[in-house]
Amino acid sequence: MTGTTLHEVLEHHPFAEELSPHHLERLSAMAEQARFETDEVIFREGDECSKFYLIASGRVALEIVAPGRIFRVQTLEAGDELGWSAMLMRSGKHFQARALEPVAALAFEGSELLRVSKDDLALGFALMYRMLGVVSARLQATRLQLLDIYSPKVKKAGAPGG
C-alpha cells in the first residue's frame, strides 16, 4: 500500500465495487492501515476481534485448530475480505486467521461499520449484501474441505474392486 492513499486502495478493492463516491468517502474515512508478518496470528477461533479487513496484499490462511492438527479451510489473498463477524457485536471468530506472508490490509472497526449501516440504509444494504457473499464463500470453502477430508477414498481405475 506504499505510495497510495487508503481511499485509492479501497476504491480498487473488489469489495467496494460499484459503491457510490459518497459511500467510498465515508468508508475510507473509517479505514486504518493494518500489517501482519509471516506466521502472525491475526485472530484465533473464539476471539472477539472487532476488526473487518480488506486484504490489499499478501496471503492469509483461515484455519480450524483441532487437538494435534490444524485444518486449512481457505487461503485468502489480495482482493479478499477477512473478519466479517466483526459486524456481529460480541460474536467470536469462527476460524483462526494466520498470515502466510507479509499482509497489508485496510482495517475497519466493526461497531463503526454497524453504526454507519444504521445511519445510511443504502450503504448498510450494500455492506450487508457484500458480507453475505463473504459468509457464503466461507461456508462453501468449509463444505469443500469437509468433503475432501471425510468423503470415501475414490478407488483408482484398474484397481481390484474399482
Protein backbone atom coordinates (compact mmCIF):
# COMPACT_ATOMS: atom_id res chain seq x y z
CA MET A 1 0.00 0.00 0.00
CA THR A 2 3.06 2.21 -0.18
CA GLY A 3 2.53 5.34 -2.26
CA THR A 4 -1.24 5.03 -2.41
CA THR A 5 -3.87 6.53 -0.17
CA LEU A 6 -6.31 4.39 1.82
CA HIS A 7 -9.07 5.80 -0.39
CA GLU A 8 -7.28 4.56 -3.53
CA VAL A 9 -6.77 1.10 -2.03
CA LEU A 10 -10.45 0.93 -1.08
CA GLU A 11 -11.58 2.24 -4.46
CA HIS A 12 -9.72 -0.59 -6.25
CA HIS A 13 -10.74 -3.39 -3.87
CA PRO A 14 -13.42 -5.76 -5.29
CA PHE A 15 -15.48 -5.41 -2.07
CA ALA A 16 -16.03 -1.72 -2.86
CA GLU A 17 -17.01 -2.30 -6.50
CA GLU A 18 -20.00 -0.18 -7.54
CA LEU A 19 -20.15 1.77 -4.27
CA SER A 20 -21.07 5.41 -4.77
CA PRO A 21 -18.34 8.04 -4.41
CA HIS A 22 -20.09 9.25 -1.24
CA HIS A 23 -20.01 5.76 0.29
CA LEU A 24 -16.37 5.30 -0.70
CA GLU A 25 -15.53 8.58 1.04
CA ARG A 26 -17.43 7.55 4.14
CA LEU A 27 -15.69 4.16 4.34
CA SER A 28 -12.22 5.47 3.54
CA ALA A 29 -12.55 7.98 6.39
CA MET A 30 -13.03 4.97 8.72
CA ALA A 31 -10.21 2.86 7.27
CA GLU A 32 -6.92 2.21 9.03
CA GLN A 33 -3.82 0.56 7.66
CA ALA A 34 -3.05 -2.90 9.08
CA ARG A 35 0.06 -5.02 8.59
CA PHE A 36 0.81 -8.57 9.66
CA GLU A 37 4.07 -10.50 9.44
CA THR A 38 4.55 -14.08 8.20
CA ASP A 39 3.06 -16.63 10.65
CA GLU A 40 1.47 -13.88 12.76
CA VAL A 41 -1.92 -14.96 14.10
CA ILE A 42 -4.38 -12.19 13.22
CA PHE A 43 -7.09 -13.69 15.40
CA ARG A 44 -7.91 -17.04 16.96
CA GLU A 45 -11.13 -19.01 16.79
CA GLY A 46 -13.46 -17.70 19.50
CA ASP A 47 -11.69 -14.32 19.80
CA GLU A 48 -13.91 -11.26 19.94
CA CYS A 49 -11.78 -9.40 17.40
CA SER A 50 -13.66 -6.28 16.37
CA LYS A 51 -11.90 -5.61 13.05
CA PHE A 52 -13.02 -6.30 9.49
CA TYR A 53 -10.22 -6.36 6.91
CA LEU A 54 -9.93 -5.87 3.17
CA ILE A 55 -6.72 -7.57 2.06
CA ALA A 56 -4.57 -5.40 -0.22
CA SER A 57 -1.55 -7.72 -0.49
CA GLY A 58 -0.27 -10.97 0.94
CA ARG A 59 -1.98 -14.25 1.82
CA VAL A 60 -3.90 -15.35 4.91
CA ALA A 61 -4.85 -18.90 5.96
CA LEU A 62 -8.25 -19.44 7.56
CA GLU A 63 -7.84 -22.44 9.85
CA ILE A 64 -9.67 -24.65 12.28
CA VAL A 65 -7.42 -25.70 15.15
CA ALA A 66 -8.13 -29.19 16.50
CA PRO A 67 -6.12 -31.13 19.07
CA GLY A 68 -2.89 -32.09 17.36
CA ARG A 69 -3.92 -30.77 13.94
CA ILE A 70 -4.68 -27.59 12.02
CA PHE A 71 -7.11 -27.75 9.09
CA ARG A 72 -6.81 -25.02 6.48
CA VAL A 73 -10.29 -24.09 5.31
CA GLN A 74 -9.36 -21.39 2.83
CA THR A 75 -6.46 -19.26 1.67
CA LEU A 76 -7.27 -15.58 1.21
CA GLU A 77 -5.27 -13.11 -0.85
CA ALA A 78 -5.35 -9.57 -2.22
CA GLY A 79 -8.93 -8.66 -3.09
CA ASP A 80 -10.43 -10.87 -0.37
CA GLU A 81 -12.12 -9.98 2.92
CA LEU A 82 -11.43 -11.16 6.43
CA GLY A 83 -13.30 -10.89 9.73
CA TRP A 84 -16.91 -10.46 8.62
CA SER A 85 -18.13 -11.42 12.09
CA ALA A 86 -16.81 -8.09 13.42
CA MET A 87 -20.21 -6.66 12.48
CA LEU A 88 -21.94 -9.18 14.77
CA MET A 89 -21.11 -7.47 18.01
CA ARG A 90 -19.89 -9.82 20.77
CA SER A 91 -19.64 -12.74 18.40
CA GLY A 92 -16.47 -14.83 18.50
CA LYS A 93 -14.47 -15.61 15.37
CA HIS A 94 -15.30 -18.84 13.58
CA PHE A 95 -11.75 -19.56 12.37
CA GLN A 96 -8.16 -18.76 13.16
CA ALA A 97 -6.54 -16.37 10.69
CA ARG A 98 -2.78 -16.55 10.18
CA ALA A 99 -0.60 -14.58 7.76
CA LEU A 100 1.22 -16.87 5.33
CA GLU A 101 3.41 -13.99 4.15
CA PRO A 102 3.52 -10.27 4.93
CA VAL A 103 -0.01 -8.88 4.65
CA ALA A 104 -1.21 -5.32 4.12
CA ALA A 105 -4.90 -4.60 4.63
CA LEU A 106 -7.47 -1.95 5.32
CA ALA A 107 -8.98 -2.38 8.77
CA PHE A 108 -12.43 -1.22 9.84
CA GLU A 109 -13.90 -1.22 13.32
CA GLY A 110 -16.98 -3.47 13.24
CA SER A 111 -19.01 -1.23 15.55
CA GLU A 112 -18.34 1.74 13.25
CA LEU A 113 -19.45 -0.24 10.19
CA LEU A 114 -22.61 -1.20 12.03
CA ARG A 115 -23.23 2.40 13.09
CA VAL A 116 -22.90 3.80 9.55
CA SER A 117 -25.05 0.94 8.24
CA LYS A 118 -27.86 2.03 10.54
CA ASP A 119 -27.22 5.69 9.74
CA ASP A 120 -27.18 5.31 5.96
CA LEU A 121 -29.50 2.48 4.93
CA ALA A 122 -28.27 2.42 1.32
CA LEU A 123 -24.69 1.95 2.50
CA GLY A 124 -25.87 -0.54 5.12
CA PHE A 125 -27.64 -2.62 2.49
CA ALA A 126 -24.56 -2.53 0.23
CA LEU A 127 -22.31 -3.66 3.09
CA MET A 128 -24.67 -6.41 4.26
CA TYR A 129 -25.13 -7.68 0.71
CA ARG A 130 -21.37 -7.93 0.29
CA MET A 131 -20.92 -9.51 3.74
CA LEU A 132 -23.50 -12.15 2.82
CA GLY A 133 -21.35 -13.01 -0.19
CA VAL A 134 -18.30 -13.38 2.09
CA VAL A 135 -20.20 -15.62 4.52
CA SER A 136 -21.48 -17.75 1.62
CA ALA A 137 -17.94 -18.18 0.25
CA ARG A 138 -16.65 -19.25 3.69
CA LEU A 139 -19.49 -21.76 4.04
CA GLN A 140 -18.72 -23.23 0.62
CA ALA A 141 -14.98 -23.42 1.34
CA THR A 142 -15.68 -25.20 4.63
CA ARG A 143 -18.08 -27.59 2.91
CA LEU A 144 -15.48 -28.48 0.26
CA GLN A 145 -12.82 -29.08 2.91
CA LEU A 146 -15.15 -31.37 4.86
CA LEU A 147 -15.96 -33.32 1.70
CA ASP A 148 -12.26 -33.65 0.96
CA ILE A 149 -11.47 -34.87 4.47
CA TYR A 150 -14.41 -37.15 5.13
CA SER A 151 -15.55 -38.48 1.75
CA PRO A 152 -14.66 -42.09 0.98
CA LYS A 153 -11.43 -42.54 -0.93
CA VAL A 154 -12.03 -42.97 -4.63
CA LYS A 155 -10.66 -46.22 -5.98
CA LYS A 156 -8.16 -45.95 -8.80
CA ALA A 157 -9.18 -47.19 -12.22
CA GLY A 158 -7.97 -50.77 -12.74
CA ALA A 159 -7.54 -51.41 -9.01
CA PRO A 160 -9.27 -54.51 -7.60
CA GLY A 161 -12.89 -53.68 -6.87
CA GLY A 162 -12.59 -50.42 -8.90
